[in-house]
Amino acid sequence: MIRLSLQQCLALLFLAAGATTATAGPIEQACLRSDRQAVSLAACSCIQGVADFTLEARDQRKVAGFFKDPERAEKARAADGKSDEAFWDRYESFGSQAEVYCSGANAPPP
């Protein structure tokens, strides 16, 4: 039996998704519109790919807002409701995974 690590599975899924996806998700769109120096299609696409596997659509829309207004991220981090804390945990996990998988694509941090 062949065993694949989570990283290998995600890499295979990104390749498959990249070959069939014609529209950009909310994070990719926000990333491409951002004024960050390291913006590239490859980096933004990679970040969106990680988001597609780690965040629900609602969370993706929220994270997309962080590119335009980083203060929103600070407000989300500082919020102390249970759902806010759960979101922040998901966001941190997404950010860590995006950093690992997308670092070779010169990805700006989400």
Protein backbone atom coordinates (compact mmCIF):
# COMPACT_ATOMS: atom_id res chain seq x y z
CA MET A 1 0.00 0.00 0.00
CA ILE A 2 1.29 3.45 -0.90
CA ARG A 3 1.21 5.99 1.91
CA LEU A 4 1.34 9.68 1.15
CA SER A 5 1.98 12.40 3.67
CA LEU A 6 -0.46 15.28 4.04
CA GLN A 7 2.04 17.49 2.23
CA GLN A 8 2.26 15.09 -0.71
CA CYS A 9 -1.52 14.80 -0.92
CA LEU A 10 -1.96 18.57 -0.90
CA ALA A 11 0.74 19.00 -3.53
CA LEU A 12 -1.02 16.52 -5.82
CA LEU A 13 -4.37 18.21 -5.24
CA PHE A 14 -2.88 21.65 -5.99
CA LEU A 15 -1.51 20.38 -9.28
CA ALA A 16 -4.86 18.88 -10.23
CA ALA A 17 -6.81 21.95 -9.14
CA GLY A 18 -4.44 24.31 -10.91
CA ALA A 19 -4.95 22.48 -14.16
CA THR A 20 -8.73 22.83 -14.03
CA THR A 21 -9.42 26.05 -12.16
CA ALA A 22 -10.16 29.00 -14.43
CA THR A 23 -11.41 31.52 -11.88
CA ALA A 24 -9.55 33.06 -8.99
CA GLY A 25 -10.90 32.71 -5.47
CA PRO A 26 -11.35 35.66 -3.11
CA ILE A 27 -7.90 35.38 -1.53
CA GLU A 28 -6.15 35.10 -4.89
CA GLN A 29 -8.05 38.13 -6.19
CA ALA A 30 -7.20 40.19 -3.10
CA CYS A 31 -3.58 39.07 -3.26
CA LEU A 32 -3.27 40.08 -6.92
CA ARG A 33 -4.82 43.48 -6.21
CA SER A 34 -2.58 44.15 -3.22
CA ASP A 35 0.26 46.62 -3.46
CA ARG A 36 2.82 44.20 -2.02
CA GLN A 37 6.13 44.07 -3.81
CA ALA A 38 6.38 40.27 -4.00
CA VAL A 39 2.97 39.73 -5.64
CA SER A 40 2.98 37.13 -8.38
CA LEU A 41 0.31 35.03 -10.01
CA ALA A 42 2.08 31.87 -8.87
CA ALA A 43 2.27 33.03 -5.26
CA CYS A 44 -1.33 34.24 -5.11
CA SER A 45 -2.59 31.07 -6.79
CA CYS A 46 -0.66 28.95 -4.32
CA ILE A 47 -2.08 30.83 -1.33
CA GLN A 48 -5.59 30.40 -2.74
CA GLY A 49 -4.92 26.70 -3.23
CA VAL A 50 -4.01 26.31 0.43
CA ALA A 51 -7.10 28.31 1.40
CA ASP A 52 -9.32 26.07 -0.71
CA PHE A 53 -8.22 23.08 1.36
CA THR A 54 -8.06 24.71 4.78
CA LEU A 55 -10.72 27.44 4.97
CA GLU A 56 -14.44 27.59 4.33
CA ALA A 57 -15.72 30.19 1.85
CA ARG A 58 -16.81 32.51 4.67
CA ASP A 59 -13.32 32.44 6.20
CA GLN A 60 -11.75 32.99 2.78
CA ARG A 61 -13.78 36.15 2.27
CA LYS A 62 -12.75 37.40 5.70
CA VAL A 63 -9.07 36.67 5.05
CA ALA A 64 -9.26 38.38 1.64
CA GLY A 65 -10.14 41.58 3.48
CA PHE A 66 -6.84 41.38 5.37
CA PHE A 67 -4.89 42.07 2.17
CA LYS A 68 -6.61 45.42 1.66
CA ASP A 69 -6.82 46.37 5.33
CA PRO A 70 -4.27 44.62 7.58
CA GLU A 71 -5.89 46.32 10.58
CA ARG A 72 -8.82 43.93 10.10
CA ALA A 73 -6.49 41.05 10.93
CA GLU A 74 -5.45 42.76 14.16
CA LYS A 75 -9.07 43.31 15.10
CA ALA A 76 -9.88 39.67 14.35
CA ARG A 77 -6.94 38.51 16.45
CA ALA A 78 -7.94 40.73 19.37
CA ALA A 79 -11.60 39.68 19.35
CA ASP A 80 -12.35 37.42 22.28
CA GLY A 81 -15.51 35.53 21.38
CA LYS A 82 -15.35 31.75 20.97
CA SER A 83 -16.12 31.93 17.25
CA ASP A 84 -13.48 34.65 16.85
CA GLU A 85 -10.89 32.49 18.59
CA ALA A 86 -11.85 29.49 16.46
CA PHE A 87 -11.49 31.60 13.31
CA TRP A 88 -8.07 32.84 14.43
CA ASP A 89 -6.91 29.27 15.04
CA ARG A 90 -8.02 28.32 11.52
CA TYR A 91 -6.34 31.42 10.11
CA GLU A 92 -3.04 30.68 11.85
CA SER A 93 -3.12 27.10 10.58
CA PHE A 94 -3.84 28.35 7.06
CA GLY A 95 -1.01 30.90 7.29
CA SER A 96 1.48 28.29 8.48
CA GLN A 97 0.53 25.89 5.71
CA ALA A 98 0.62 28.62 3.06
CA GLU A 99 4.08 29.62 4.23
CA VAL A 100 5.34 26.04 3.90
CA TYR A 101 3.73 25.25 0.54
CA CYS A 102 4.09 28.62 -1.15
CA SER A 103 7.50 29.85 0.02
CA GLY A 104 9.09 28.87 -3.30
CA ALA A 105 6.56 31.01 -5.17
CA ASN A 106 7.73 34.27 -3.49
CA ALA A 107 4.40 34.45 -1.76
CA PRO A 108 3.49 37.52 0.27
CA PRO A 109 2.24 36.58 3.73
CA PRO A 110 -1.56 36.27 3.94
